[in-house]
Amino acid sequence: MEPYSTKQGVKIIELFYFCQRSLVTTQRKYRQYFNSRSAPTAFVIRSLVGRFEELGSVADETGRDVHRNIRTEDNVETVR
């Protein structure tokens, strides 16, 4: 699955609620709105809606758990 932009994710959520929670109708409206032959799968729609209902956002959570290395003089000396 290729990731959807925030704009696309927001539109998917809007369409889902506008279409009275119908996955198939949401997919059809998505194709019409973005003039696309493909549409998000039912799994993707459910995932986006779940994330939106739980977190209030459709943005990806990437970057939250990024661990950065800390270079201190002690660490550098230990490696040498």
PDB file of N, CA and C in Angstrom:
ATOM      1  N   MET A   1       0.845  -1.179   0.000  1.00  0.00           N
ATOM      2  CA  MET A   1       0.000   0.000   0.000  1.00  0.00           C
ATOM      3  C   MET A   1       0.886   1.236   0.000  1.00  0.00           C
ATOM      4  N   GLU A   2       0.635   2.114  -0.909  1.00  0.00           N
ATOM      5  CA  GLU A   2       1.377   3.365  -0.903  1.00  0.00           C
ATOM      6  C   GLU A   2       0.699   4.317   0.079  1.00  0.00           C
ATOM      7  N   PRO A   3       1.485   5.094   0.789  1.00  0.00           N
ATOM      8  CA  PRO A   3       0.880   5.976   1.799  1.00  0.00           C
ATOM      9  C   PRO A   3       0.055   7.091   1.155  1.00  0.00           C
ATOM     10  N   TYR A   4      -0.988   7.459   1.827  1.00  0.00           N
ATOM     11  CA  TYR A   4      -1.845   8.546   1.358  1.00  0.00           C
ATOM     12  C   TYR A   4      -1.407   9.836   2.028  1.00  0.00           C
ATOM     13  N   SER A   5      -1.517  10.930   1.296  1.00  0.00           N
ATOM     14  CA  SER A   5      -1.162  12.226   1.866  1.00  0.00           C
ATOM     15  C   SER A   5      -2.185  12.597   2.932  1.00  0.00           C
ATOM     16  N   THR A   6      -1.860  13.590   3.722  1.00  0.00           N
ATOM     17  CA  THR A   6      -2.785  14.044   4.757  1.00  0.00           C
ATOM     18  C   THR A   6      -4.075  14.545   4.125  1.00  0.00           C
ATOM     19  N   LYS A   7      -3.949  15.247   3.000  1.00  0.00           N
ATOM     20  CA  LYS A   7      -5.144  15.744   2.296  1.00  0.00           C
ATOM     21  C   LYS A   7      -6.039  14.580   1.876  1.00  0.00           C
ATOM     22  N   GLN A   8      -5.441  13.533   1.326  1.00  0.00           N
ATOM     23  CA  GLN A   8      -6.215  12.369   0.911  1.00  0.00           C
ATOM     24  C   GLN A   8      -6.842  11.668   2.117  1.00  0.00           C
ATOM     25  N   GLY A   9      -6.088  11.558   3.200  1.00  0.00           N
ATOM     26  CA  GLY A   9      -6.614  10.922   4.404  1.00  0.00           C
ATOM     27  C   GLY A   9      -7.808  11.661   4.966  1.00  0.00           C
ATOM     28  N   VAL A  10      -7.714  12.985   4.992  1.00  0.00           N
ATOM     29  CA  VAL A  10      -8.828  13.803   5.484  1.00  0.00           C
ATOM     30  C   VAL A  10     -10.045  13.608   4.591  1.00  0.00           C
ATOM     31  N   LYS A  11      -9.821  13.581   3.284  1.00  0.00           N
ATOM     32  CA  LYS A  11     -10.943  13.404   2.355  1.00  0.00           C
ATOM     33  C   LYS A  11     -11.579  12.028   2.524  1.00  0.00           C
ATOM     34  N   ILE A  12     -10.771  11.011   2.757  1.00  0.00           N
ATOM     35  CA  ILE A  12     -11.304   9.666   2.985  1.00  0.00           C
ATOM     36  C   ILE A  12     -12.202   9.662   4.216  1.00  0.00           C
ATOM     37  N   ILE A  13     -11.768  10.316   5.284  1.00  0.00           N
ATOM     38  CA  ILE A  13     -12.581  10.392   6.509  1.00  0.00           C
ATOM     39  C   ILE A  13     -13.876  11.146   6.234  1.00  0.00           C
ATOM     40  N   GLU A  14     -13.787  12.284   5.555  1.00  0.00           N
ATOM     41  CA  GLU A  14     -14.989  13.064   5.226  1.00  0.00           C
ATOM     42  C   GLU A  14     -15.973  12.233   4.407  1.00  0.00           C
ATOM     43  N   LEU A  15     -15.461  11.559   3.383  1.00  0.00           N
ATOM     44  CA  LEU A  15     -16.330  10.757   2.529  1.00  0.00           C
ATOM     45  C   LEU A  15     -16.956   9.598   3.298  1.00  0.00           C
ATOM     46  N   PHE A  16     -16.183   8.987   4.176  1.00  0.00           N
ATOM     47  CA  PHE A  16     -16.686   7.850   4.951  1.00  0.00           C
ATOM     48  C   PHE A  16     -17.901   8.255   5.779  1.00  0.00           C
ATOM     49  N   TYR A  17     -17.808   9.385   6.468  1.00  0.00           N
ATOM     50  CA  TYR A  17     -18.935   9.827   7.290  1.00  0.00           C
ATOM     51  C   TYR A  17     -20.067  10.388   6.422  1.00  0.00           C
ATOM     52  N   PHE A  18     -19.721  11.051   5.332  1.00  0.00           N
ATOM     53  CA  PHE A  18     -20.738  11.580   4.420  1.00  0.00           C
ATOM     54  C   PHE A  18     -21.551  10.444   3.793  1.00  0.00           C
ATOM     55  N   CYS A  19     -20.881   9.339   3.505  1.00  0.00           N
ATOM     56  CA  CYS A  19     -21.526   8.179   2.873  1.00  0.00           C
ATOM     57  C   CYS A  19     -22.123   7.232   3.906  1.00  0.00           C
ATOM     58  N   GLN A  20     -22.370   7.722   5.083  1.00  0.00           N
ATOM     59  CA  GLN A  20     -23.009   6.967   6.160  1.00  0.00           C
ATOM     60  C   GLN A  20     -22.268   5.669   6.461  1.00  0.00           C
ATOM     61  N   ARG A  21     -20.944   5.766   6.537  1.00  0.00           N
ATOM     62  CA  ARG A  21     -20.063   4.668   6.913  1.00  0.00           C
ATOM     63  C   ARG A  21     -20.053   3.503   5.924  1.00  0.00           C
ATOM     64  N   SER A  22     -20.377   3.765   4.682  1.00  0.00           N
ATOM     65  CA  SER A  22     -20.343   2.731   3.643  1.00  0.00           C
ATOM     66  C   SER A  22     -18.956   2.704   3.002  1.00  0.00           C
ATOM     67  N   LEU A  23     -18.280   1.567   3.116  1.00  0.00           N
ATOM     68  CA  LEU A  23     -16.937   1.454   2.556  1.00  0.00           C
ATOM     69  C   LEU A  23     -16.952   1.526   1.028  1.00  0.00           C
ATOM     70  N   VAL A  24     -17.879   0.818   0.403  1.00  0.00           N
ATOM     71  CA  VAL A  24     -17.943   0.788  -1.064  1.00  0.00           C
ATOM     72  C   VAL A  24     -18.281   2.166  -1.623  1.00  0.00           C
ATOM     73  N   THR A  25     -19.242   2.837  -1.013  1.00  0.00           N
ATOM     74  CA  THR A  25     -19.612   4.176  -1.482  1.00  0.00           C
ATOM     75  C   THR A  25     -18.460   5.154  -1.261  1.00  0.00           C
ATOM     76  N   THR A  26     -17.745   5.004  -0.163  1.00  0.00           N
ATOM     77  CA  THR A  26     -16.573   5.840   0.098  1.00  0.00           C
ATOM     78  C   THR A  26     -15.541   5.645  -1.007  1.00  0.00           C
ATOM     79  N   GLN A  27     -15.296   4.404  -1.391  1.00  0.00           N
ATOM     80  CA  GLN A  27     -14.340   4.125  -2.460  1.00  0.00           C
ATOM     81  C   GLN A  27     -14.789   4.744  -3.781  1.00  0.00           C
ATOM     82  N   ARG A  28     -16.059   4.635  -4.094  1.00  0.00           N
ATOM     83  CA  ARG A  28     -16.579   5.213  -5.343  1.00  0.00           C
ATOM     84  C   ARG A  28     -16.428   6.729  -5.359  1.00  0.00           C
ATOM     85  N   LYS A  29     -16.798   7.363  -4.252  1.00  0.00           N
ATOM     86  CA  LYS A  29     -16.695   8.827  -4.170  1.00  0.00           C
ATOM     87  C   LYS A  29     -15.233   9.273  -4.223  1.00  0.00           C
ATOM     88  N   TYR A  30     -14.342   8.486  -3.616  1.00  0.00           N
ATOM     89  CA  TYR A  30     -12.913   8.797  -3.654  1.00  0.00           C
ATOM     90  C   TYR A  30     -12.424   8.799  -5.104  1.00  0.00           C
ATOM     91  N   ARG A  31     -12.800   7.767  -5.858  1.00  0.00           N
ATOM     92  CA  ARG A  31     -12.401   7.684  -7.267  1.00  0.00           C
ATOM     93  C   ARG A  31     -12.908   8.886  -8.053  1.00  0.00           C
ATOM     94  N   GLN A  32     -14.145   9.286  -7.788  1.00  0.00           N
ATOM     95  CA  GLN A  32     -14.710  10.441  -8.487  1.00  0.00           C
ATOM     96  C   GLN A  32     -13.985  11.724  -8.100  1.00  0.00           C
ATOM     97  N   TYR A  33     -13.768  11.922  -6.810  1.00  0.00           N
ATOM     98  CA  TYR A  33     -13.183  13.169  -6.325  1.00  0.00           C
ATOM     99  C   TYR A  33     -11.753  13.347  -6.837  1.00  0.00           C
ATOM    100  N   PHE A  34     -10.937  12.291  -6.752  1.00  0.00           N
ATOM    101  CA  PHE A  34      -9.535  12.386  -7.154  1.00  0.00           C
ATOM    102  C   PHE A  34      -9.310  11.952  -8.601  1.00  0.00           C
ATOM    103  N   ASN A  35     -10.402  11.643  -9.321  1.00  0.00           N
ATOM    104  CA  ASN A  35     -10.305  11.214 -10.715  1.00  0.00           C
ATOM    105  C   ASN A  35      -9.252  10.117 -10.854  1.00  0.00           C
ATOM    106  N   SER A  36      -9.425   9.067 -10.065  1.00  0.00           N
ATOM    107  CA  SER A  36      -8.448   7.996  -9.980  1.00  0.00           C
ATOM    108  C   SER A  36      -9.110   6.661 -10.284  1.00  0.00           C
ATOM    109  N   ARG A  37      -8.344   5.757 -10.864  1.00  0.00           N
ATOM    110  CA  ARG A  37      -8.869   4.415 -11.122  1.00  0.00           C
ATOM    111  C   ARG A  37      -8.778   3.549  -9.873  1.00  0.00           C
ATOM    112  N   SER A  38      -7.893   3.890  -8.969  1.00  0.00           N
ATOM    113  CA  SER A  38      -7.744   3.102  -7.746  1.00  0.00           C
ATOM    114  C   SER A  38      -8.337   3.862  -6.568  1.00  0.00           C
ATOM    115  N   ALA A  39      -8.640   3.100  -5.546  1.00  0.00           N
ATOM    116  CA  ALA A  39      -9.215   3.688  -4.332  1.00  0.00           C
ATOM    117  C   ALA A  39      -8.612   2.964  -3.139  1.00  0.00           C
ATOM    118  N   PRO A  40      -8.669   3.568  -1.968  1.00  0.00           N
ATOM    119  CA  PRO A  40      -8.151   2.889  -0.780  1.00  0.00           C
ATOM    120  C   PRO A  40      -8.961   1.621  -0.497  1.00  0.00           C
ATOM    121  N   THR A  41      -8.285   0.612  -0.002  1.00  0.00           N
ATOM    122  CA  THR A  41      -8.966  -0.635   0.338  1.00  0.00           C
ATOM    123  C   THR A  41      -9.818  -0.437   1.583  1.00  0.00           C
ATOM    124  N   ALA A  42     -10.696  -1.390   1.826  1.00  0.00           N
ATOM    125  CA  ALA A  42     -11.542  -1.332   3.023  1.00  0.00           C
ATOM    126  C   ALA A  42     -10.673  -1.321   4.276  1.00  0.00           C
ATOM    127  N   PHE A  43      -9.575  -2.083   4.246  1.00  0.00           N
ATOM    128  CA  PHE A  43      -8.664  -2.125   5.394  1.00  0.00           C
ATOM    129  C   PHE A  43      -8.056  -0.749   5.658  1.00  0.00           C
ATOM    130  N   VAL A  44      -7.636  -0.074   4.599  1.00  0.00           N
ATOM    131  CA  VAL A  44      -7.034   1.258   4.741  1.00  0.00           C
ATOM    132  C   VAL A  44      -8.059   2.246   5.290  1.00  0.00           C
ATOM    133  N   ILE A  45      -9.267   2.193   4.768  1.00  0.00           N
ATOM    134  CA  ILE A  45     -10.312   3.111   5.242  1.00  0.00           C
ATOM    135  C   ILE A  45     -10.585   2.867   6.721  1.00  0.00           C
ATOM    136  N   ARG A  46     -10.744   1.586   7.095  1.00  0.00           N
ATOM    137  CA  ARG A  46     -10.994   1.270   8.510  1.00  0.00           C
ATOM    138  C   ARG A  46      -9.831   1.713   9.394  1.00  0.00           C
ATOM    139  N   SER A  47      -8.606   1.534   8.906  1.00  0.00           N
ATOM    140  CA  SER A  47      -7.430   1.948   9.683  1.00  0.00           C
ATOM    141  C   SER A  47      -7.398   3.458   9.886  1.00  0.00           C
ATOM    142  N   LEU A  48      -7.657   4.209   8.813  1.00  0.00           N
ATOM    143  CA  LEU A  48      -7.667   5.668   8.918  1.00  0.00           C
ATOM    144  C   LEU A  48      -8.770   6.148   9.854  1.00  0.00           C
ATOM    145  N   VAL A  49      -9.952   5.556   9.737  1.00  0.00           N
ATOM    146  CA  VAL A  49     -11.068   5.946  10.601  1.00  0.00           C
ATOM    147  C   VAL A  49     -10.745   5.604  12.049  1.00  0.00           C
ATOM    148  N   GLY A  50     -10.167   4.428  12.276  1.00  0.00           N
ATOM    149  CA  GLY A  50      -9.788   4.040  13.635  1.00  0.00           C
ATOM    150  C   GLY A  50      -8.770   4.986  14.238  1.00  0.00           C
ATOM    151  N   ARG A  51      -7.752   5.352  13.441  1.00  0.00           N
ATOM    152  CA  ARG A  51      -6.731   6.287  13.918  1.00  0.00           C
ATOM    153  C   ARG A  51      -7.352   7.650  14.200  1.00  0.00           C
ATOM    154  N   PHE A  52      -8.255   8.076  13.306  1.00  0.00           N
ATOM    155  CA  PHE A  52      -8.910   9.368  13.489  1.00  0.00           C
ATOM    156  C   PHE A  52      -9.765   9.373  14.755  1.00  0.00           C
ATOM    157  N   GLU A  53     -10.527   8.312  14.973  1.00  0.00           N
ATOM    158  CA  GLU A  53     -11.394   8.258  16.153  1.00  0.00           C
ATOM    159  C   GLU A  53     -10.590   8.135  17.441  1.00  0.00           C
ATOM    160  N   GLU A  54      -9.438   7.470  17.369  1.00  0.00           N
ATOM    161  CA  GLU A  54      -8.621   7.288  18.570  1.00  0.00           C
ATOM    162  C   GLU A  54      -7.748   8.502  18.872  1.00  0.00           C
ATOM    163  N   LEU A  55      -7.116   9.052  17.831  1.00  0.00           N
ATOM    164  CA  LEU A  55      -6.145  10.127  18.037  1.00  0.00           C
ATOM    165  C   LEU A  55      -6.638  11.499  17.600  1.00  0.00           C
ATOM    166  N   GLY A  56      -7.692  11.536  16.788  1.00  0.00           N
ATOM    167  CA  GLY A  56      -8.178  12.808  16.274  1.00  0.00           C
ATOM    168  C   GLY A  56      -7.334  13.347  15.143  1.00  0.00           C
ATOM    169  N   SER A  57      -6.544  12.467  14.519  1.00  0.00           N
ATOM    170  CA  SER A  57      -5.653  12.890  13.448  1.00  0.00           C
ATOM    171  C   SER A  57      -5.513  11.761  12.435  1.00  0.00           C
ATOM    172  N   VAL A  58      -5.248  12.120  11.187  1.00  0.00           N
ATOM    173  CA  VAL A  58      -4.968  11.113  10.168  1.00  0.00           C
ATOM    174  C   VAL A  58      -3.495  11.131   9.770  1.00  0.00           C
ATOM    175  N   ALA A  59      -2.730  12.023  10.357  1.00  0.00           N
ATOM    176  CA  ALA A  59      -1.311  12.134  10.031  1.00  0.00           C
ATOM    177  C   ALA A  59      -0.560  10.904  10.523  1.00  0.00           C
ATOM    178  N   ASP A  60       0.477  10.532   9.786  1.00  0.00           N
ATOM    179  CA  ASP A  60       1.303   9.400  10.181  1.00  0.00           C
ATOM    180  C   ASP A  60       2.013   9.704  11.485  1.00  0.00           C
ATOM    181  N   GLU A  61       2.304   8.656  12.211  1.00  0.00           N
ATOM    182  CA  GLU A  61       2.984   8.809  13.492  1.00  0.00           C
ATOM    183  C   GLU A  61       4.487   8.618  13.357  1.00  0.00           C
ATOM    184  N   THR A  62       4.997   8.657  12.157  1.00  0.00           N
ATOM    185  CA  THR A  62       6.418   8.427  11.970  1.00  0.00           C
ATOM    186  C   THR A  62       7.222   9.500  12.682  1.00  0.00           C
ATOM    187  N   GLY A  63       8.347   9.097  13.214  1.00  0.00           N
ATOM    188  CA  GLY A  63       9.229  10.037  13.873  1.00  0.00           C
ATOM    189  C   GLY A  63       9.060  10.110  15.373  1.00  0.00           C
ATOM    190  N   ARG A  64       8.010   9.531  15.898  1.00  0.00           N
ATOM    191  CA  ARG A  64       7.806   9.601  17.344  1.00  0.00           C
ATOM    192  C   ARG A  64       8.778   8.716  18.105  1.00  0.00           C
ATOM    193  N   ASP A  65       9.068   7.552  17.566  1.00  0.00           N
ATOM    194  CA  ASP A  65       9.915   6.603  18.271  1.00  0.00           C
ATOM    195  C   ASP A  65      11.333   6.569  17.718  1.00  0.00           C
ATOM    196  N   VAL A  66      11.768   7.660  17.156  1.00  0.00           N
ATOM    197  CA  VAL A  66      13.109   7.708  16.599  1.00  0.00           C
ATOM    198  C   VAL A  66      14.104   7.840  17.740  1.00  0.00           C
ATOM    199  N   HIS A  67      15.026   6.885  17.772  1.00  0.00           N
ATOM    200  CA  HIS A  67      16.072   6.931  18.796  1.00  0.00           C
ATOM    201  C   HIS A  67      17.320   7.547  18.175  1.00  0.00           C
ATOM    202  N   ARG A  68      17.827   8.538  18.803  1.00  0.00           N
ATOM    203  CA  ARG A  68      19.005   9.211  18.280  1.00  0.00           C
ATOM    204  C   ARG A  68      20.225   8.790  19.100  1.00  0.00           C
ATOM    205  N   ASN A  69      21.308   8.640  18.385  1.00  0.00           N
ATOM    206  CA  ASN A  69      22.552   8.307  19.059  1.00  0.00           C
ATOM    207  C   ASN A  69      23.120   9.560  19.705  1.00  0.00           C
ATOM    208  N   ILE A  70      23.654   9.378  20.871  1.00  0.00           N
ATOM    209  CA  ILE A  70      24.261  10.500  21.575  1.00  0.00           C
ATOM    210  C   ILE A  70      25.764  10.275  21.595  1.00  0.00           C
ATOM    211  N   ARG A  71      26.474  11.201  20.992  1.00  0.00           N
ATOM    212  CA  ARG A  71      27.926  11.102  20.982  1.00  0.00           C
ATOM    213  C   ARG A  71      28.500  11.931  22.111  1.00  0.00           C
ATOM    214  N   THR A  72      28.919  11.259  23.087  1.00  0.00           N
ATOM    215  CA  THR A  72      29.640  11.939  24.157  1.00  0.00           C
ATOM    216  C   THR A  72      31.105  11.532  24.036  1.00  0.00           C
ATOM    217  N   GLU A  73      31.953  12.258  24.709  1.00  0.00           N
ATOM    218  CA  GLU A  73      33.374  11.922  24.652  1.00  0.00           C
ATOM    219  C   GLU A  73      33.618  10.533  25.222  1.00  0.00           C
ATOM    220  N   ASP A  74      32.867  10.162  26.249  1.00  0.00           N
ATOM    221  CA  ASP A  74      33.023   8.828  26.838  1.00  0.00           C
ATOM    222  C   ASP A  74      32.650   7.741  25.828  1.00  0.00           C
ATOM    223  N   ASN A  75      31.566   7.951  25.110  1.00  0.00           N
ATOM    224  CA  ASN A  75      31.150   6.955  24.126  1.00  0.00           C
ATOM    225  C   ASN A  75      32.155   6.841  22.986  1.00  0.00           C
ATOM    226  N   VAL A  76      32.672   7.959  22.539  1.00  0.00           N
ATOM    227  CA  VAL A  76      33.655   7.950  21.457  1.00  0.00           C
ATOM    228  C   VAL A  76      34.912   7.228  21.910  1.00  0.00           C
ATOM    229  N   GLU A  77      35.350   7.483  23.119  1.00  0.00           N
ATOM    230  CA  GLU A  77      36.548   6.825  23.653  1.00  0.00           C
ATOM    231  C   GLU A  77      36.320   5.326  23.824  1.00  0.00           C
ATOM    232  N   THR A  78      35.129   4.942  24.217  1.00  0.00           N
ATOM    233  CA  THR A  78      34.820   3.525  24.391  1.00  0.00           C
ATOM    234  C   THR A  78      34.918   2.790  23.062  1.00  0.00           C
ATOM    235  N   VAL A  79      34.493   3.414  21.997  1.00  0.00           N
ATOM    236  CA  VAL A  79      34.531   2.788  20.682  1.00  0.00           C
ATOM    237  C   VAL A  79      35.955   2.700  20.167  1.00  0.00           C
ATOM    238  N   ARG A  80      36.778   3.670  20.479  1.00  0.00           N
ATOM    239  CA  ARG A  80      38.172   3.663  20.000  1.00  0.00           C
ATOM    240  C   ARG A  80      38.906   2.609  20.732  1.00  0.00           C
TER     241      ARG A  80
END
